[in-house]
Amino acid sequence: LYALNPAMIPALCAAAGSFSDVRCGAAWWFCDHKRGIREVLETVAE
């Protein structure tokens, strides 16, 4: 699952965790920068 709107990332990670074999993907496009990549990784970790 990828979202171009970064506000979706925590909810995407939570949704992914409710189903087997569903993952939150890499920071996409306008989010593909230092802060965006770190935020995705940290949110997935949390």
ModelCIF file with pLDDT and N, C-alpha, C, O atoms, coordinates in Angstrom:
data_MODEL
#
_entry.id   MODEL 
#
_entity.id                         1 
_entity.type                       polymer 
_entity.pdbx_number_of_molecules   1 
#
_entity_poly.entity_id                      1 
_entity_poly.type                           'polypeptide(L)' 
_entity_poly.nstd_linkage                   no 
_entity_poly.nstd_monomer                   no 
_entity_poly.pdbx_seq_one_letter_code       LYALNPAMIPALCAAAGSFSDVRCGAAWWFCDHKRGIREVLETVAE 
_entity_poly.pdbx_seq_one_letter_code_can   LYALNPAMIPALCAAAGSFSDVRCGAAWWFCDHKRGIREVLETVAE 
_entity_poly.pdbx_strand_id                 A 
#
loop_
_entity_poly_seq.entity_id 
_entity_poly_seq.num 
_entity_poly_seq.mon_id 
_entity_poly_seq.hetero 
1 1  LEU n 
1 2  TYR n 
1 3  ALA n 
1 4  LEU n 
1 5  ASN n 
1 6  PRO n 
1 7  ALA n 
1 8  MET n 
1 9  ILE n 
1 10 PRO n 
1 11 ALA n 
1 12 LEU n 
1 13 CYS n 
1 14 ALA n 
1 15 ALA n 
1 16 ALA n 
1 17 GLY n 
1 18 SER n 
1 19 PHE n 
1 20 SER n 
1 21 ASP n 
1 22 VAL n 
1 23 ARG n 
1 24 CYS n 
1 25 GLY n 
1 26 ALA n 
1 27 ALA n 
1 28 TRP n 
1 29 TRP n 
1 30 PHE n 
1 31 CYS n 
1 32 ASP n 
1 33 HIS n 
1 34 LYS n 
1 35 ARG n 
1 36 GLY n 
1 37 ILE n 
1 38 ARG n 
1 39 GLU n 
1 40 VAL n 
1 41 LEU n 
1 42 GLU n 
1 43 THR n 
1 44 VAL n 
1 45 ALA n 
1 46 GLU n 
#
_struct_asym.id          A 
_struct_asym.entity_id   1 
#
loop_
_ma_qa_metric.id 
_ma_qa_metric.mode 
_ma_qa_metric.name 
_ma_qa_metric.software_group_id 
_ma_qa_metric.type 
1 global pLDDT . pLDDT 
2 local  pLDDT . pLDDT 
#
_ma_qa_metric_global.metric_id      1 
_ma_qa_metric_global.metric_value   96.15 
_ma_qa_metric_global.model_id       1 
_ma_qa_metric_global.ordinal_id     1 
#
loop_
_ma_qa_metric_local.label_asym_id 
_ma_qa_metric_local.label_comp_id 
_ma_qa_metric_local.label_seq_id 
_ma_qa_metric_local.metric_id 
_ma_qa_metric_local.metric_value 
_ma_qa_metric_local.model_id 
_ma_qa_metric_local.ordinal_id 
A LEU 1  2 98.00 1 1  
A TYR 2  2 97.00 1 2  
A ALA 3  2 96.00 1 3  
A LEU 4  2 96.00 1 4  
A ASN 5  2 96.00 1 5  
A PRO 6  2 96.00 1 6  
A ALA 7  2 96.00 1 7  
A MET 8  2 96.00 1 8  
A ILE 9  2 97.00 1 9  
A PRO 10 2 97.00 1 10 
A ALA 11 2 96.00 1 11 
A LEU 12 2 96.00 1 12 
A CYS 13 2 96.00 1 13 
A ALA 14 2 96.00 1 14 
A ALA 15 2 96.00 1 15 
A ALA 16 2 96.00 1 16 
A GLY 17 2 95.00 1 17 
A SER 18 2 96.00 1 18 
A PHE 19 2 96.00 1 19 
A SER 20 2 90.00 1 20 
A ASP 21 2 92.00 1 21 
A VAL 22 2 97.00 1 22 
A ARG 23 2 97.00 1 23 
A CYS 24 2 97.00 1 24 
A GLY 25 2 97.00 1 25 
A ALA 26 2 97.00 1 26 
A ALA 27 2 96.00 1 27 
A TRP 28 2 93.00 1 28 
A TRP 29 2 91.00 1 29 
A PHE 30 2 93.00 1 30 
A CYS 31 2 94.00 1 31 
A ASP 32 2 95.00 1 32 
A HIS 33 2 96.00 1 33 
A LYS 34 2 97.00 1 34 
A ARG 35 2 97.00 1 35 
A GLY 36 2 97.00 1 36 
A ILE 37 2 98.00 1 37 
A ARG 38 2 98.00 1 38 
A GLU 39 2 98.00 1 39 
A VAL 40 2 98.00 1 40 
A LEU 41 2 98.00 1 41 
A GLU 42 2 98.00 1 42 
A THR 43 2 98.00 1 43 
A VAL 44 2 98.00 1 44 
A ALA 45 2 98.00 1 45 
A GLU 46 2 97.00 1 46 
#
loop_
_atom_site.group_PDB 
_atom_site.id 
_atom_site.type_symbol 
_atom_site.label_atom_id 
_atom_site.label_alt_id 
_atom_site.label_comp_id 
_atom_site.label_asym_id 
_atom_site.label_entity_id 
_atom_site.label_seq_id 
_atom_site.pdbx_PDB_ins_code 
_atom_site.Cartn_x 
_atom_site.Cartn_y 
_atom_site.Cartn_z 
_atom_site.occupancy 
_atom_site.B_iso_or_equiv 
_atom_site.pdbx_formal_charge 
_atom_site.auth_seq_id 
_atom_site.auth_comp_id 
_atom_site.auth_asym_id 
_atom_site.auth_atom_id 
_atom_site.pdbx_PDB_model_num 
ATOM 1   N N  . LEU A 1 1  ? 0.834  -1.192  0.000  1.00 98.00 ? 1  LEU A N  1 
ATOM 2   C CA . LEU A 1 1  ? 0.000  0.000   0.000  1.00 98.00 ? 1  LEU A CA 1 
ATOM 3   C C  . LEU A 1 1  ? 0.875  1.251   0.000  1.00 98.00 ? 1  LEU A C  1 
ATOM 4   O O  . LEU A 1 1  ? 1.763  1.391   0.841  1.00 98.00 ? 1  LEU A O  1 
ATOM 5   N N  . TYR A 1 2  ? 0.625  2.150   -0.936 1.00 97.00 ? 2  TYR A N  1 
ATOM 6   C CA . TYR A 1 2  ? 1.337  3.417   -1.013 1.00 97.00 ? 2  TYR A CA 1 
ATOM 7   C C  . TYR A 1 2  ? 0.316  4.556   -0.948 1.00 97.00 ? 2  TYR A C  1 
ATOM 8   O O  . TYR A 1 2  ? -0.788 4.435   -1.479 1.00 97.00 ? 2  TYR A O  1 
ATOM 9   N N  . ALA A 1 3  ? 0.683  5.649   -0.302 1.00 96.00 ? 3  ALA A N  1 
ATOM 10  C CA . ALA A 1 3  ? -0.180 6.823   -0.283 1.00 96.00 ? 3  ALA A CA 1 
ATOM 11  C C  . ALA A 1 3  ? 0.643  8.057   -0.613 1.00 96.00 ? 3  ALA A C  1 
ATOM 12  O O  . ALA A 1 3  ? 1.717  8.270   -0.051 1.00 96.00 ? 3  ALA A O  1 
ATOM 13  N N  . LEU A 1 4  ? 0.124  8.874   -1.537 1.00 96.00 ? 4  LEU A N  1 
ATOM 14  C CA . LEU A 1 4  ? 0.815  10.109  -1.868 1.00 96.00 ? 4  LEU A CA 1 
ATOM 15  C C  . LEU A 1 4  ? 0.552  11.184  -0.824 1.00 96.00 ? 4  LEU A C  1 
ATOM 16  O O  . LEU A 1 4  ? 1.316  12.143  -0.707 1.00 96.00 ? 4  LEU A O  1 
ATOM 17  N N  . ASN A 1 5  ? -0.522 11.027  -0.070 1.00 96.00 ? 5  ASN A N  1 
ATOM 18  C CA . ASN A 1 5  ? -0.826 11.945  1.017  1.00 96.00 ? 5  ASN A CA 1 
ATOM 19  C C  . ASN A 1 5  ? -0.220 11.378  2.305  1.00 96.00 ? 5  ASN A C  1 
ATOM 20  O O  . ASN A 1 5  ? -0.675 10.340  2.784  1.00 96.00 ? 5  ASN A O  1 
ATOM 21  N N  . PRO A 1 6  ? 0.791  12.033  2.873  1.00 96.00 ? 6  PRO A N  1 
ATOM 22  C CA . PRO A 1 6  ? 1.489  11.452  4.034  1.00 96.00 ? 6  PRO A CA 1 
ATOM 23  C C  . PRO A 1 6  ? 0.613  11.311  5.265  1.00 96.00 ? 6  PRO A C  1 
ATOM 24  O O  . PRO A 1 6  ? 0.947  10.551  6.174  1.00 96.00 ? 6  PRO A O  1 
ATOM 25  N N  . ALA A 1 7  ? -0.505 12.032  5.314  1.00 96.00 ? 7  ALA A N  1 
ATOM 26  C CA . ALA A 1 7  ? -1.393 11.903  6.466  1.00 96.00 ? 7  ALA A CA 1 
ATOM 27  C C  . ALA A 1 7  ? -1.985 10.507  6.568  1.00 96.00 ? 7  ALA A C  1 
ATOM 28  O O  . ALA A 1 7  ? -2.476 10.120  7.629  1.00 96.00 ? 7  ALA A O  1 
ATOM 29  N N  . MET A 1 8  ? -1.944 9.738   5.472  1.00 96.00 ? 8  MET A N  1 
ATOM 30  C CA . MET A 1 8  ? -2.512 8.389   5.475  1.00 96.00 ? 8  MET A CA 1 
ATOM 31  C C  . MET A 1 8  ? -1.576 7.328   6.045  1.00 96.00 ? 8  MET A C  1 
ATOM 32  O O  . MET A 1 8  ? -2.025 6.229   6.368  1.00 96.00 ? 8  MET A O  1 
ATOM 33  N N  . ILE A 1 9  ? -0.290 7.631   6.176  1.00 97.00 ? 9  ILE A N  1 
ATOM 34  C CA . ILE A 1 9  ? 0.689  6.589   6.458  1.00 97.00 ? 9  ILE A CA 1 
ATOM 35  C C  . ILE A 1 9  ? 0.404  5.840   7.765  1.00 97.00 ? 9  ILE A C  1 
ATOM 36  O O  . ILE A 1 9  ? 0.434  4.609   7.749  1.00 97.00 ? 9  ILE A O  1 
ATOM 37  N N  . PRO A 1 10 ? 0.126  6.508   8.902  1.00 97.00 ? 10 PRO A N  1 
ATOM 38  C CA . PRO A 1 10 ? -0.167 5.727   10.117 1.00 97.00 ? 10 PRO A CA 1 
ATOM 39  C C  . PRO A 1 10 ? -1.368 4.805   9.943  1.00 97.00 ? 10 PRO A C  1 
ATOM 40  O O  . PRO A 1 10 ? -1.345 3.658   10.389 1.00 97.00 ? 10 PRO A O  1 
ATOM 41  N N  . ALA A 1 11 ? -2.417 5.308   9.296  1.00 96.00 ? 11 ALA A N  1 
ATOM 42  C CA . ALA A 1 11 ? -3.605 4.463   9.104  1.00 96.00 ? 11 ALA A CA 1 
ATOM 43  C C  . ALA A 1 11 ? -3.310 3.311   8.159  1.00 96.00 ? 11 ALA A C  1 
ATOM 44  O O  . ALA A 1 11 ? -3.818 2.208   8.364  1.00 96.00 ? 11 ALA A O  1 
ATOM 45  N N  . LEU A 1 12 ? -2.497 3.537   7.123  1.00 96.00 ? 12 LEU A N  1 
ATOM 46  C CA . LEU A 1 12 ? -2.123 2.453   6.212  1.00 96.00 ? 12 LEU A CA 1 
ATOM 47  C C  . LEU A 1 12 ? -1.368 1.366   6.959  1.00 96.00 ? 12 LEU A C  1 
ATOM 48  O O  . LEU A 1 12 ? -1.620 0.177   6.760  1.00 96.00 ? 12 LEU A O  1 
ATOM 49  N N  . CYS A 1 13 ? -0.445 1.772   7.814  1.00 96.00 ? 13 CYS A N  1 
ATOM 50  C CA . CYS A 1 13 ? 0.317  0.775   8.586  1.00 96.00 ? 13 CYS A CA 1 
ATOM 51  C C  . CYS A 1 13 ? -0.598 -0.026  9.500  1.00 96.00 ? 13 CYS A C  1 
ATOM 52  O O  . CYS A 1 13 ? -0.428 -1.235  9.654  1.00 96.00 ? 13 CYS A O  1 
ATOM 53  N N  . ALA A 1 14 ? -1.569 0.651   10.105 1.00 96.00 ? 14 ALA A N  1 
ATOM 54  C CA . ALA A 1 14 ? -2.507 -0.051  10.966 1.00 96.00 ? 14 ALA A CA 1 
ATOM 55  C C  . ALA A 1 14 ? -3.375 -1.007  10.164 1.00 96.00 ? 14 ALA A C  1 
ATOM 56  O O  . ALA A 1 14 ? -3.634 -2.130  10.597 1.00 96.00 ? 14 ALA A O  1 
ATOM 57  N N  . ALA A 1 15 ? -3.825 -0.563  8.995  1.00 96.00 ? 15 ALA A N  1 
ATOM 58  C CA . ALA A 1 15 ? -4.637 -1.426  8.132  1.00 96.00 ? 15 ALA A CA 1 
ATOM 59  C C  . ALA A 1 15 ? -3.846 -2.647  7.699  1.00 96.00 ? 15 ALA A C  1 
ATOM 60  O O  . ALA A 1 15 ? -4.350 -3.770  7.727  1.00 96.00 ? 15 ALA A O  1 
ATOM 61  N N  . ALA A 1 16 ? -2.601 -2.416  7.299  1.00 96.00 ? 16 ALA A N  1 
ATOM 62  C CA . ALA A 1 16 ? -1.762 -3.526  6.841  1.00 96.00 ? 16 ALA A CA 1 
ATOM 63  C C  . ALA A 1 16 ? -1.594 -4.569  7.932  1.00 96.00 ? 16 ALA A C  1 
ATOM 64  O O  . ALA A 1 16 ? -1.576 -5.767  7.653  1.00 96.00 ? 16 ALA A O  1 
ATOM 65  N N  . GLY A 1 17 ? -1.471 -4.119  9.170  1.00 95.00 ? 17 GLY A N  1 
ATOM 66  C CA . GLY A 1 17 ? -1.263 -5.050  10.267 1.00 95.00 ? 17 GLY A CA 1 
ATOM 67  C C  . GLY A 1 17 ? -2.471 -5.913  10.588 1.00 95.00 ? 17 GLY A C  1 
ATOM 68  O O  . GLY A 1 17 ? -2.364 -6.876  11.347 1.00 95.00 ? 17 GLY A O  1 
ATOM 69  N N  . SER A 1 18 ? -3.614 -5.575  10.018 1.00 96.00 ? 18 SER A N  1 
ATOM 70  C CA . SER A 1 18 ? -4.823 -6.359  10.266 1.00 96.00 ? 18 SER A CA 1 
ATOM 71  C C  . SER A 1 18 ? -4.980 -7.524  9.295  1.00 96.00 ? 18 SER A C  1 
ATOM 72  O O  . SER A 1 18 ? -5.881 -8.346  9.459  1.00 96.00 ? 18 SER A O  1 
ATOM 73  N N  . PHE A 1 19 ? -4.118 -7.602  8.289  1.00 96.00 ? 19 PHE A N  1 
ATOM 74  C CA . PHE A 1 19 ? -4.237 -8.629  7.253  1.00 96.00 ? 19 PHE A CA 1 
ATOM 75  C C  . PHE A 1 19 ? -2.875 -9.243  6.977  1.00 96.00 ? 19 PHE A C  1 
ATOM 76  O O  . PHE A 1 19 ? -1.867 -8.537  6.942  1.00 96.00 ? 19 PHE A O  1 
ATOM 77  N N  . SER A 1 20 ? -2.843 -10.541 6.785  1.00 90.00 ? 20 SER A N  1 
ATOM 78  C CA . SER A 1 20 ? -1.589 -11.210 6.452  1.00 90.00 ? 20 SER A CA 1 
ATOM 79  C C  . SER A 1 20 ? -1.122 -10.766 5.068  1.00 90.00 ? 20 SER A C  1 
ATOM 80  O O  . SER A 1 20 ? -1.934 -10.544 4.169  1.00 90.00 ? 20 SER A O  1 
ATOM 81  N N  . ASP A 1 21 ? 0.176  -10.641 4.911  1.00 92.00 ? 21 ASP A N  1 
ATOM 82  C CA . ASP A 1 21 ? 0.806  -10.374 3.613  1.00 92.00 ? 21 ASP A CA 1 
ATOM 83  C C  . ASP A 1 21 ? 0.463  -9.004  3.042  1.00 92.00 ? 21 ASP A C  1 
ATOM 84  O O  . ASP A 1 21 ? 0.600  -8.798  1.836  1.00 92.00 ? 21 ASP A O  1 
ATOM 85  N N  . VAL A 1 22 ? 0.023  -8.063  3.872  1.00 97.00 ? 22 VAL A N  1 
ATOM 86  C CA . VAL A 1 22 ? -0.187 -6.687  3.425  1.00 97.00 ? 22 VAL A CA 1 
ATOM 87  C C  . VAL A 1 22 ? 0.856  -5.817  4.109  1.00 97.00 ? 22 VAL A C  1 
ATOM 88  O O  . VAL A 1 22 ? 1.045  -5.903  5.322  1.00 97.00 ? 22 VAL A O  1 
ATOM 89  N N  . ARG A 1 23 ? 1.532  -4.978  3.328  1.00 97.00 ? 23 ARG A N  1 
ATOM 90  C CA . ARG A 1 23 ? 2.609  -4.144  3.858  1.00 97.00 ? 23 ARG A CA 1 
ATOM 91  C C  . ARG A 1 23 ? 2.413  -2.694  3.423  1.00 97.00 ? 23 ARG A C  1 
ATOM 92  O O  . ARG A 1 23 ? 1.847  -2.424  2.364  1.00 97.00 ? 23 ARG A O  1 
ATOM 93  N N  . CYS A 1 24 ? 2.877  -1.786  4.236  1.00 97.00 ? 24 CYS A N  1 
ATOM 94  C CA . CYS A 1 24 ? 2.962  -0.373  3.860  1.00 97.00 ? 24 CYS A CA 1 
ATOM 95  C C  . CYS A 1 24 ? 4.238  -0.179  3.049  1.00 97.00 ? 24 CYS A C  1 
ATOM 96  O O  . CYS A 1 24 ? 5.312  -0.609  3.469  1.00 97.00 ? 24 CYS A O  1 
ATOM 97  N N  . GLY A 1 25 ? 4.126  0.470   1.884  1.00 97.00 ? 25 GLY A N  1 
ATOM 98  C CA . GLY A 1 25 ? 5.255  0.580   0.976  1.00 97.00 ? 25 GLY A CA 1 
ATOM 99  C C  . GLY A 1 25 ? 6.114  1.807   1.219  1.00 97.00 ? 25 GLY A C  1 
ATOM 100 O O  . GLY A 1 25 ? 5.867  2.597   2.130  1.00 97.00 ? 25 GLY A O  1 
ATOM 101 N N  . ALA A 1 26 ? 7.122  1.944   0.383  1.00 97.00 ? 26 ALA A N  1 
ATOM 102 C CA . ALA A 1 26 ? 8.104  3.022   0.492  1.00 97.00 ? 26 ALA A CA 1 
ATOM 103 C C  . ALA A 1 26 ? 7.456  4.391   0.315  1.00 97.00 ? 26 ALA A C  1 
ATOM 104 O O  . ALA A 1 26 ? 6.398  4.522   -0.300 1.00 97.00 ? 26 ALA A O  1 
ATOM 105 N N  . ALA A 1 27 ? 8.114  5.408   0.867  1.00 96.00 ? 27 ALA A N  1 
ATOM 106 C CA . ALA A 1 27 ? 7.654  6.785   0.684  1.00 96.00 ? 27 ALA A CA 1 
ATOM 107 C C  . ALA A 1 27 ? 7.564  7.077   -0.805 1.00 96.00 ? 27 ALA A C  1 
ATOM 108 O O  . ALA A 1 27 ? 8.526  6.883   -1.548 1.00 96.00 ? 27 ALA A O  1 
ATOM 109 N N  . TRP A 1 28 ? 6.397  7.547   -1.233 1.00 93.00 ? 28 TRP A N  1 
ATOM 110 C CA . TRP A 1 28 ? 6.110  7.637   -2.661 1.00 93.00 ? 28 TRP A CA 1 
ATOM 111 C C  . TRP A 1 28 ? 6.143  9.075   -3.149 1.00 93.00 ? 28 TRP A C  1 
ATOM 112 O O  . TRP A 1 28 ? 5.471  9.944   -2.593 1.00 93.00 ? 28 TRP A O  1 
ATOM 113 N N  . TRP A 1 29 ? 6.926  9.322   -4.186 1.00 91.00 ? 29 TRP A N  1 
ATOM 114 C CA . TRP A 1 29 ? 6.867  10.534  -4.998 1.00 91.00 ? 29 TRP A CA 1 
ATOM 115 C C  . TRP A 1 29 ? 7.134  11.797  -4.189 1.00 91.00 ? 29 TRP A C  1 
ATOM 116 O O  . TRP A 1 29 ? 8.286  12.075  -3.854 1.00 91.00 ? 29 TRP A O  1 
ATOM 117 N N  . PHE A 1 30 ? 6.090  12.572  -3.866 1.00 93.00 ? 30 PHE A N  1 
ATOM 118 C CA . PHE A 1 30 ? 6.310  13.818  -3.131 1.00 93.00 ? 30 PHE A CA 1 
ATOM 119 C C  . PHE A 1 30 ? 6.760  13.562  -1.696 1.00 93.00 ? 30 PHE A C  1 
ATOM 120 O O  . PHE A 1 30 ? 7.189  14.485  -1.005 1.00 93.00 ? 30 PHE A O  1 
ATOM 121 N N  . CYS A 1 31 ? 6.664  12.327  -1.253 1.00 94.00 ? 31 CYS A N  1 
ATOM 122 C CA . CYS A 1 31 ? 7.117  11.964  0.097  1.00 94.00 ? 31 CYS A CA 1 
ATOM 123 C C  . CYS A 1 31 ? 8.506  11.333  0.084  1.00 94.00 ? 31 CYS A C  1 
ATOM 124 O O  . CYS A 1 31 ? 9.032  10.969  1.135  1.00 94.00 ? 31 CYS A O  1 
ATOM 125 N N  . ASP A 1 32 ? 9.100  11.203  -1.095 1.00 95.00 ? 32 ASP A N  1 
ATOM 126 C CA . ASP A 1 32 ? 10.375 10.496  -1.259 1.00 95.00 ? 32 ASP A CA 1 
ATOM 127 C C  . ASP A 1 32 ? 11.547 11.444  -0.997 1.00 95.00 ? 32 ASP A C  1 
ATOM 128 O O  . ASP A 1 32 ? 12.328 11.757  -1.896 1.00 95.00 ? 32 ASP A O  1 
ATOM 129 N N  . HIS A 1 33 ? 11.646 11.886  0.245  1.00 96.00 ? 33 HIS A N  1 
ATOM 130 C CA . HIS A 1 33 ? 12.724 12.776  0.665  1.00 96.00 ? 33 HIS A CA 1 
ATOM 131 C C  . HIS A 1 33 ? 13.180 12.332  2.055  1.00 96.00 ? 33 HIS A C  1 
ATOM 132 O O  . HIS A 1 33 ? 12.613 11.402  2.629  1.00 96.00 ? 33 HIS A O  1 
ATOM 133 N N  . LYS A 1 34 ? 14.183 12.982  2.581  1.00 97.00 ? 34 LYS A N  1 
ATOM 134 C CA . LYS A 1 34 ? 14.781 12.543  3.839  1.00 97.00 ? 34 LYS A CA 1 
ATOM 135 C C  . LYS A 1 34 ? 13.739 12.416  4.944  1.00 97.00 ? 34 LYS A C  1 
ATOM 136 O O  . LYS A 1 34 ? 13.654 11.375  5.596  1.00 97.00 ? 34 LYS A O  1 
ATOM 137 N N  . ARG A 1 35 ? 12.951 13.457  5.162  1.00 97.00 ? 35 ARG A N  1 
ATOM 138 C CA . ARG A 1 35 ? 11.962 13.408  6.233  1.00 97.00 ? 35 ARG A CA 1 
ATOM 139 C C  . ARG A 1 35 ? 10.882 12.377  5.926  1.00 97.00 ? 35 ARG A C  1 
ATOM 140 O O  . ARG A 1 35 ? 10.473 11.623  6.809  1.00 97.00 ? 35 ARG A O  1 
ATOM 141 N N  . GLY A 1 36 ? 10.417 12.342  4.675  1.00 97.00 ? 36 GLY A N  1 
ATOM 142 C CA . GLY A 1 36 ? 9.355  11.410  4.316  1.00 97.00 ? 36 GLY A CA 1 
ATOM 143 C C  . GLY A 1 36 ? 9.776  9.958   4.458  1.00 97.00 ? 36 GLY A C  1 
ATOM 144 O O  . GLY A 1 36 ? 9.010  9.132   4.956  1.00 97.00 ? 36 GLY A O  1 
ATOM 145 N N  . ILE A 1 37 ? 10.994 9.641   4.021  1.00 98.00 ? 37 ILE A N  1 
ATOM 146 C CA . ILE A 1 37 ? 11.490 8.271   4.145  1.00 98.00 ? 37 ILE A CA 1 
ATOM 147 C C  . ILE A 1 37 ? 11.627 7.884   5.607  1.00 98.00 ? 37 ILE A C  1 
ATOM 148 O O  . ILE A 1 37 ? 11.219 6.794   6.007  1.00 98.00 ? 37 ILE A O  1 
ATOM 149 N N  . ARG A 1 38 ? 12.201 8.777   6.406  1.00 98.00 ? 38 ARG A N  1 
ATOM 150 C CA . ARG A 1 38 ? 12.337 8.486   7.844  1.00 98.00 ? 38 ARG A CA 1 
ATOM 151 C C  . ARG A 1 38 ? 10.969 8.313   8.501  1.00 98.00 ? 38 ARG A C  1 
ATOM 152 O O  . ARG A 1 38 ? 10.785 7.426   9.334  1.00 98.00 ? 38 ARG A O  1 
ATOM 153 N N  . GLU A 1 39 ? 10.022 9.151   8.131  1.00 98.00 ? 39 GLU A N  1 
ATOM 154 C CA . GLU A 1 39 ? 8.702  9.063   8.751  1.00 98.00 ? 39 GLU A CA 1 
ATOM 155 C C  . GLU A 1 39 ? 8.020  7.738   8.409  1.00 98.00 ? 39 GLU A C  1 
ATOM 156 O O  . GLU A 1 39 ? 7.390  7.127   9.272  1.00 98.00 ? 39 GLU A O  1 
ATOM 157 N N  . VAL A 1 40 ? 8.140  7.295   7.168  1.00 98.00 ? 40 VAL A N  1 
ATOM 158 C CA . VAL A 1 40 ? 7.546  6.012   6.803  1.00 98.00 ? 40 VAL A CA 1 
ATOM 159 C C  . VAL A 1 40 ? 8.208  4.885   7.585  1.00 98.00 ? 40 VAL A C  1 
ATOM 160 O O  . VAL A 1 40 ? 7.522  4.032   8.148  1.00 98.00 ? 40 VAL A O  1 
ATOM 161 N N  . LEU A 1 41 ? 9.542  4.878   7.623  1.00 98.00 ? 41 LEU A N  1 
ATOM 162 C CA . LEU A 1 41 ? 10.251 3.823   8.341  1.00 98.00 ? 41 LEU A CA 1 
ATOM 163 C C  . LEU A 1 41 ? 9.910  3.839   9.830  1.00 98.00 ? 41 LEU A C  1 
ATOM 164 O O  . LEU A 1 41 ? 9.679  2.786   10.425 1.00 98.00 ? 41 LEU A O  1 
ATOM 165 N N  . GLU A 1 42 ? 9.878  5.011   10.424 1.00 98.00 ? 42 GLU A N  1 
ATOM 166 C CA . GLU A 1 42 ? 9.568  5.108   11.854 1.00 98.00 ? 42 GLU A CA 1 
ATOM 167 C C  . GLU A 1 42 ? 8.130  4.691   12.134 1.00 98.00 ? 42 GLU A C  1 
ATOM 168 O O  . GLU A 1 42 ? 7.854  4.052   13.150 1.00 98.00 ? 42 GLU A O  1 
ATOM 169 N N  . THR A 1 43 ? 7.204  5.054   11.231 1.00 98.00 ? 43 THR A N  1 
ATOM 170 C CA . THR A 1 43 ? 5.808  4.688   11.449 1.00 98.00 ? 43 THR A CA 1 
ATOM 171 C C  . THR A 1 43 ? 5.607  3.181   11.301 1.00 98.00 ? 43 THR A C  1 
ATOM 172 O O  . THR A 1 43 ? 4.889  2.563   12.087 1.00 98.00 ? 43 THR A O  1 
ATOM 173 N N  . VAL A 1 44 ? 6.245  2.597   10.287 1.00 98.00 ? 44 VAL A N  1 
ATOM 174 C CA . VAL A 1 44 ? 6.182  1.143   10.136 1.00 98.00 ? 44 VAL A CA 1 
ATOM 175 C C  . VAL A 1 44 ? 6.750  0.464   11.374 1.00 98.00 ? 44 VAL A C  1 
ATOM 176 O O  . VAL A 1 44 ? 6.190  -0.518  11.861 1.00 98.00 ? 44 VAL A O  1 
ATOM 177 N N  . ALA A 1 45 ? 7.870  0.993   11.886 1.00 98.00 ? 45 ALA A N  1 
ATOM 178 C CA . ALA A 1 45 ? 8.483  0.401   13.080 1.00 98.00 ? 45 ALA A CA 1 
ATOM 179 C C  . ALA A 1 45 ? 7.558  0.505   14.288 1.00 98.00 ? 45 ALA A C  1 
ATOM 180 O O  . ALA A 1 45 ? 7.452  -0.434  15.076 1.00 98.00 ? 45 ALA A O  1 
ATOM 181 N N  . GLU A 1 46 ? 6.891  1.641   14.432 1.00 97.00 ? 46 GLU A N  1 
ATOM 182 C CA . GLU A 1 46 ? 6.056  1.879   15.611 1.00 97.00 ? 46 GLU A CA 1 
ATOM 183 C C  . GLU A 1 46 ? 4.750  1.079   15.575 1.00 97.00 ? 46 GLU A C  1 
ATOM 184 O O  . GLU A 1 46 ? 3.942  1.174   16.499 1.00 97.00 ? 46 GLU A O  1 
#
